[in-house]
């Protein structure tokens, strides 16, 4: 099996959970890889949150890989959400955002708690 290929029937390596805080802020947490195989589900969760939340915080702390498709989904969310922030803790995702230039347009933080101060 080649790198990046999955065993048939194996779930894609991405989990996205959502929680709504008492103040109405939606926190999405992504864990895994955001690539061509998982971006559809990621985009669905993200766009749904952007439509219903007055503020959306996307926690990418558990994301190990972010493809161009994932970057595009972030750009869409940033344009759609009234207030959109991204939590980034890993060097790889931080570097991807920096090198692509997408990070310059995003409200990027290291911790959810810092965003809510």
N, C-alpha and C. Protein backbone atom coordinates (compact mmCIF):
# COMPACT_ATOMS: atom_id res chain seq x y z
N UNK A 1 0.84 -1.17 0.00
CA UNK A 1 0.00 0.00 0.00
C UNK A 1 0.89 1.24 0.00
N UNK A 2 0.53 2.22 -0.80
CA UNK A 2 1.30 3.44 -0.91
C UNK A 2 0.99 4.39 0.24
N UNK A 3 1.95 5.27 0.59
CA UNK A 3 1.67 6.26 1.63
C UNK A 3 0.44 7.10 1.25
N UNK A 4 -0.39 7.37 2.22
CA UNK A 4 -1.58 8.17 1.98
C UNK A 4 -2.81 7.36 1.60
N UNK A 5 -2.60 6.11 1.19
CA UNK A 5 -3.73 5.25 0.87
C UNK A 5 -4.30 4.66 2.15
N UNK A 6 -5.60 4.40 2.11
CA UNK A 6 -6.27 3.84 3.28
C UNK A 6 -6.79 2.46 3.00
N UNK A 7 -6.90 1.68 4.05
CA UNK A 7 -7.50 0.36 3.94
C UNK A 7 -8.98 0.56 3.65
N UNK A 8 -9.54 -0.16 2.66
CA UNK A 8 -10.97 -0.01 2.37
C UNK A 8 -11.82 -0.22 3.63
N UNK A 9 -12.78 0.68 3.83
CA UNK A 9 -13.65 0.61 5.00
C UNK A 9 -13.10 1.33 6.21
N UNK A 10 -11.84 1.72 6.16
CA UNK A 10 -11.23 2.46 7.26
C UNK A 10 -11.72 3.90 7.22
N UNK A 11 -12.16 4.45 8.36
CA UNK A 11 -12.66 5.83 8.33
C UNK A 11 -11.54 6.82 8.02
N UNK A 12 -11.88 7.90 7.33
CA UNK A 12 -10.87 8.92 7.06
C UNK A 12 -10.28 9.43 8.37
N UNK A 13 -9.01 9.78 8.36
CA UNK A 13 -8.34 10.18 9.60
C UNK A 13 -8.64 11.63 10.02
N UNK A 14 -9.93 11.95 10.18
CA UNK A 14 -10.29 13.28 10.65
C UNK A 14 -11.56 13.17 11.49
N UNK A 15 -11.52 13.80 12.64
CA UNK A 15 -12.71 13.93 13.48
C UNK A 15 -12.94 15.40 13.74
N UNK A 16 -14.18 15.83 13.61
CA UNK A 16 -14.53 17.22 13.88
C UNK A 16 -15.68 17.22 14.88
N UNK A 17 -15.45 17.86 16.01
CA UNK A 17 -16.50 17.97 17.02
C UNK A 17 -16.86 19.44 17.20
N UNK A 18 -18.08 19.66 17.63
CA UNK A 18 -18.58 21.02 17.78
C UNK A 18 -19.23 21.18 19.14
N UNK A 19 -19.01 22.34 19.75
CA UNK A 19 -19.70 22.66 20.99
C UNK A 19 -20.09 24.13 20.97
N UNK A 20 -21.26 24.41 21.54
CA UNK A 20 -21.73 25.79 21.63
C UNK A 20 -21.63 26.21 23.09
N UNK A 21 -20.90 27.28 23.32
CA UNK A 21 -20.75 27.81 24.67
C UNK A 21 -21.99 28.61 25.06
N UNK A 22 -22.14 28.88 26.34
CA UNK A 22 -23.28 29.65 26.84
C UNK A 22 -23.37 31.04 26.22
N UNK A 23 -22.22 31.60 25.85
CA UNK A 23 -22.20 32.93 25.24
C UNK A 23 -22.48 32.90 23.74
N UNK A 24 -22.79 31.71 23.19
CA UNK A 24 -23.13 31.60 21.77
C UNK A 24 -21.95 31.31 20.86
N UNK A 25 -20.75 31.30 21.39
CA UNK A 25 -19.56 31.01 20.59
C UNK A 25 -19.54 29.51 20.25
N UNK A 26 -19.31 29.20 18.99
CA UNK A 26 -19.18 27.81 18.57
C UNK A 26 -17.69 27.48 18.48
N UNK A 27 -17.30 26.40 19.15
CA UNK A 27 -15.91 25.93 19.09
C UNK A 27 -15.90 24.60 18.33
N UNK A 28 -15.24 24.60 17.18
CA UNK A 28 -15.04 23.38 16.41
C UNK A 28 -13.63 22.89 16.70
N UNK A 29 -13.51 21.59 16.92
CA UNK A 29 -12.20 20.99 17.17
C UNK A 29 -11.96 19.92 16.12
N UNK A 30 -10.89 20.08 15.36
CA UNK A 30 -10.52 19.12 14.33
C UNK A 30 -9.30 18.34 14.80
N UNK A 31 -9.35 17.02 14.60
CA UNK A 31 -8.23 16.15 14.97
C UNK A 31 -7.98 15.20 13.81
N UNK A 32 -6.76 15.20 13.30
CA UNK A 32 -6.39 14.31 12.20
C UNK A 32 -5.77 15.07 11.05
N UNK A 33 -6.13 14.66 9.85
CA UNK A 33 -5.58 15.27 8.64
C UNK A 33 -6.70 15.89 7.82
N UNK A 34 -6.44 17.10 7.31
CA UNK A 34 -7.40 17.76 6.42
C UNK A 34 -6.78 17.74 5.03
N UNK A 35 -7.31 16.85 4.20
CA UNK A 35 -6.78 16.67 2.85
C UNK A 35 -7.94 16.42 1.89
N UNK A 36 -7.64 16.02 0.66
CA UNK A 36 -8.68 15.81 -0.34
C UNK A 36 -9.72 14.78 0.09
N UNK A 37 -9.31 13.79 0.88
CA UNK A 37 -10.24 12.75 1.32
C UNK A 37 -11.15 13.20 2.45
N UNK A 38 -10.75 14.20 3.21
CA UNK A 38 -11.52 14.60 4.39
C UNK A 38 -12.09 16.01 4.31
N UNK A 39 -11.69 16.79 3.33
CA UNK A 39 -12.07 18.20 3.29
C UNK A 39 -13.57 18.39 3.12
N UNK A 40 -14.26 17.48 2.47
CA UNK A 40 -15.71 17.60 2.30
C UNK A 40 -16.43 17.64 3.64
N UNK A 41 -16.11 16.70 4.48
CA UNK A 41 -16.71 16.65 5.81
C UNK A 41 -16.29 17.87 6.64
N UNK A 42 -15.02 18.23 6.53
CA UNK A 42 -14.50 19.40 7.25
C UNK A 42 -15.24 20.66 6.82
N UNK A 43 -15.38 20.85 5.53
CA UNK A 43 -16.05 22.02 4.99
C UNK A 43 -17.52 22.07 5.42
N UNK A 44 -18.19 20.93 5.44
CA UNK A 44 -19.58 20.86 5.87
C UNK A 44 -19.74 21.32 7.32
N UNK A 45 -18.90 20.80 8.20
CA UNK A 45 -18.94 21.18 9.62
C UNK A 45 -18.63 22.66 9.80
N UNK A 46 -17.62 23.11 9.10
CA UNK A 46 -17.17 24.49 9.23
C UNK A 46 -18.20 25.47 8.70
N UNK A 47 -18.74 25.20 7.53
CA UNK A 47 -19.72 26.13 6.96
C UNK A 47 -21.00 26.14 7.79
N UNK A 48 -21.40 25.00 8.33
CA UNK A 48 -22.57 24.96 9.20
C UNK A 48 -22.39 25.82 10.43
N UNK A 49 -21.22 25.76 11.01
CA UNK A 49 -20.93 26.58 12.20
C UNK A 49 -20.91 28.06 11.84
N UNK A 50 -20.37 28.39 10.69
CA UNK A 50 -20.28 29.79 10.28
C UNK A 50 -21.65 30.41 10.03
N UNK A 51 -22.61 29.60 9.60
CA UNK A 51 -23.95 30.08 9.33
C UNK A 51 -24.73 30.29 10.62
N UNK A 52 -24.50 29.41 11.61
CA UNK A 52 -25.31 29.46 12.83
C UNK A 52 -24.66 30.22 13.98
N UNK A 53 -23.37 30.40 13.95
CA UNK A 53 -22.69 31.05 15.08
C UNK A 53 -22.39 32.51 14.84
N UNK A 54 -22.52 33.30 15.90
CA UNK A 54 -22.12 34.71 15.79
C UNK A 54 -20.61 34.84 15.88
N UNK A 55 -19.98 33.81 16.48
CA UNK A 55 -18.52 33.74 16.54
C UNK A 55 -18.13 32.27 16.46
N UNK A 56 -17.12 31.97 15.64
CA UNK A 56 -16.65 30.60 15.47
C UNK A 56 -15.16 30.56 15.78
N UNK A 57 -14.80 29.59 16.63
CA UNK A 57 -13.39 29.35 16.92
C UNK A 57 -13.08 27.94 16.43
N UNK A 58 -12.12 27.83 15.54
CA UNK A 58 -11.71 26.54 14.99
C UNK A 58 -10.38 26.15 15.62
N UNK A 59 -10.40 25.06 16.37
CA UNK A 59 -9.19 24.57 17.04
C UNK A 59 -8.52 23.52 16.16
N UNK A 60 -7.38 23.88 15.60
CA UNK A 60 -6.60 22.99 14.74
C UNK A 60 -5.42 22.37 15.49
N UNK A 61 -5.44 22.43 16.81
CA UNK A 61 -4.32 21.92 17.61
C UNK A 61 -4.02 20.46 17.34
N UNK A 62 -5.05 19.68 17.02
CA UNK A 62 -4.87 18.26 16.78
C UNK A 62 -4.73 17.88 15.32
N UNK A 63 -4.51 18.87 14.46
CA UNK A 63 -4.37 18.61 13.03
C UNK A 63 -2.89 18.45 12.68
N UNK A 64 -2.59 17.33 12.05
CA UNK A 64 -1.21 17.04 11.68
C UNK A 64 -0.86 17.40 10.25
N UNK A 65 -1.89 17.60 9.41
CA UNK A 65 -1.64 17.95 8.01
C UNK A 65 -2.80 18.79 7.52
N UNK A 66 -2.50 19.83 6.74
CA UNK A 66 -3.50 20.72 6.17
C UNK A 66 -3.15 20.95 4.70
N UNK A 67 -3.99 20.44 3.82
CA UNK A 67 -3.72 20.56 2.38
C UNK A 67 -4.24 21.88 1.83
N UNK A 68 -4.01 22.09 0.53
CA UNK A 68 -4.52 23.29 -0.15
C UNK A 68 -6.04 23.35 -0.07
N UNK A 69 -6.69 22.20 -0.14
CA UNK A 69 -8.15 22.16 -0.03
C UNK A 69 -8.59 22.65 1.35
N UNK A 70 -7.85 22.27 2.36
CA UNK A 70 -8.15 22.73 3.72
C UNK A 70 -7.93 24.23 3.86
N UNK A 71 -6.88 24.74 3.24
CA UNK A 71 -6.62 26.19 3.27
C UNK A 71 -7.77 26.95 2.61
N UNK A 72 -8.26 26.42 1.52
CA UNK A 72 -9.37 27.06 0.82
C UNK A 72 -10.62 27.08 1.70
N UNK A 73 -10.86 25.99 2.42
CA UNK A 73 -12.01 25.93 3.33
C UNK A 73 -11.87 26.97 4.44
N UNK A 74 -10.66 27.19 4.92
CA UNK A 74 -10.43 28.23 5.93
C UNK A 74 -10.72 29.62 5.37
N UNK A 75 -10.31 29.87 4.14
CA UNK A 75 -10.58 31.16 3.51
C UNK A 75 -12.09 31.39 3.36
N UNK A 76 -12.81 30.34 2.96
CA UNK A 76 -14.26 30.45 2.82
C UNK A 76 -14.92 30.76 4.16
N UNK A 77 -14.49 30.06 5.20
CA UNK A 77 -15.05 30.27 6.53
C UNK A 77 -14.76 31.67 7.02
N UNK A 78 -13.57 32.15 6.77
CA UNK A 78 -13.18 33.49 7.21
C UNK A 78 -14.06 34.55 6.54
N UNK A 79 -14.42 34.31 5.29
CA UNK A 79 -15.28 35.25 4.56
C UNK A 79 -16.74 35.15 5.01
N UNK A 80 -17.16 33.97 5.45
CA UNK A 80 -18.56 33.74 5.78
C UNK A 80 -18.94 34.05 7.22
N UNK A 81 -18.05 33.79 8.15
CA UNK A 81 -18.37 33.94 9.58
C UNK A 81 -18.27 35.40 10.00
N UNK A 82 -19.21 35.85 10.85
CA UNK A 82 -19.10 37.22 11.36
C UNK A 82 -17.79 37.45 12.11
N UNK A 83 -17.39 36.46 12.93
CA UNK A 83 -16.12 36.51 13.66
C UNK A 83 -15.55 35.10 13.63
N UNK A 84 -14.36 34.95 13.07
CA UNK A 84 -13.75 33.64 12.88
C UNK A 84 -12.32 33.67 13.38
N UNK A 85 -12.01 32.76 14.30
CA UNK A 85 -10.65 32.66 14.84
C UNK A 85 -10.17 31.22 14.70
N UNK A 86 -8.86 31.06 14.59
CA UNK A 86 -8.25 29.75 14.42
C UNK A 86 -7.19 29.55 15.50
N UNK A 87 -7.21 28.38 16.12
CA UNK A 87 -6.21 28.01 17.12
C UNK A 87 -5.20 27.09 16.45
N UNK A 88 -3.94 27.46 16.51
CA UNK A 88 -2.86 26.68 15.90
C UNK A 88 -1.75 26.51 16.92
N UNK A 89 -1.38 25.25 17.17
CA UNK A 89 -0.29 24.97 18.11
C UNK A 89 0.87 24.22 17.49
N UNK A 90 0.63 23.55 16.37
CA UNK A 90 1.69 22.74 15.78
C UNK A 90 2.53 23.57 14.81
N UNK A 91 3.79 23.27 14.77
CA UNK A 91 4.71 23.97 13.89
C UNK A 91 4.35 23.76 12.43
N UNK A 92 3.95 22.53 12.07
CA UNK A 92 3.65 22.24 10.67
C UNK A 92 2.46 23.07 10.17
N UNK A 93 1.35 23.06 10.90
CA UNK A 93 0.18 23.82 10.46
C UNK A 93 0.48 25.32 10.47
N UNK A 94 1.20 25.78 11.45
CA UNK A 94 1.59 27.19 11.50
C UNK A 94 2.41 27.56 10.27
N UNK A 95 3.34 26.70 9.93
CA UNK A 95 4.19 26.95 8.75
C UNK A 95 3.38 26.94 7.45
N UNK A 96 2.43 26.00 7.34
CA UNK A 96 1.58 25.93 6.15
C UNK A 96 0.79 27.23 6.00
N UNK A 97 0.24 27.73 7.10
CA UNK A 97 -0.50 28.99 7.05
C UNK A 97 0.39 30.15 6.66
N UNK A 98 1.60 30.17 7.19
CA UNK A 98 2.54 31.25 6.88
C UNK A 98 3.01 31.21 5.43
N UNK A 99 3.46 30.06 4.99
CA UNK A 99 4.01 29.93 3.63
C UNK A 99 2.95 30.20 2.57
N UNK A 100 1.72 29.74 2.82
CA UNK A 100 0.64 29.93 1.85
C UNK A 100 0.14 31.37 1.82
N UNK A 101 0.37 32.11 2.89
CA UNK A 101 -0.14 33.46 3.00
C UNK A 101 -1.54 33.54 3.58
N UNK A 102 -2.20 32.39 3.73
CA UNK A 102 -3.57 32.36 4.25
C UNK A 102 -3.60 32.85 5.70
N UNK A 103 -2.58 32.52 6.46
CA UNK A 103 -2.52 32.92 7.86
C UNK A 103 -2.56 34.42 8.08
N UNK A 104 -2.09 35.18 7.11
CA UNK A 104 -2.07 36.63 7.24
C UNK A 104 -3.48 37.22 7.31
N UNK A 105 -4.45 36.53 6.71
CA UNK A 105 -5.82 37.01 6.69
C UNK A 105 -6.68 36.45 7.82
N UNK A 106 -6.12 35.51 8.59
CA UNK A 106 -6.88 34.87 9.65
C UNK A 106 -6.54 35.46 11.01
N UNK A 107 -7.47 35.32 11.94
CA UNK A 107 -7.27 35.69 13.33
C UNK A 107 -6.73 34.45 14.03
N UNK A 108 -5.40 34.32 14.12
CA UNK A 108 -4.75 33.11 14.61
C UNK A 108 -4.29 33.29 16.06
N UNK A 109 -4.59 32.28 16.89
CA UNK A 109 -4.24 32.29 18.30
C UNK A 109 -3.61 30.96 18.68
N UNK A 110 -3.04 30.89 19.89
CA UNK A 110 -2.45 29.64 20.39
C UNK A 110 -3.39 28.89 21.32
N UNK A 111 -4.34 29.58 21.96
CA UNK A 111 -5.23 28.94 22.91
C UNK A 111 -6.65 29.52 22.81
N UNK A 112 -7.65 28.67 22.98
CA UNK A 112 -9.03 29.11 22.95
C UNK A 112 -9.28 30.16 24.03
N UNK A 113 -8.73 29.93 25.20
CA UNK A 113 -8.94 30.85 26.32
C UNK A 113 -8.45 32.27 26.00
N UNK A 114 -7.35 32.37 25.25
CA UNK A 114 -6.82 33.69 24.89
C UNK A 114 -7.78 34.45 23.97
N UNK A 115 -8.44 33.73 23.07
CA UNK A 115 -9.37 34.36 22.14
C UNK A 115 -10.55 34.96 22.89
N UNK A 116 -10.95 34.31 23.96
CA UNK A 116 -12.17 34.71 24.67
C UNK A 116 -11.94 35.77 25.72
N UNK A 117 -10.71 36.22 25.91
CA UNK A 117 -10.43 37.27 26.91
C UNK A 117 -11.04 38.60 26.52
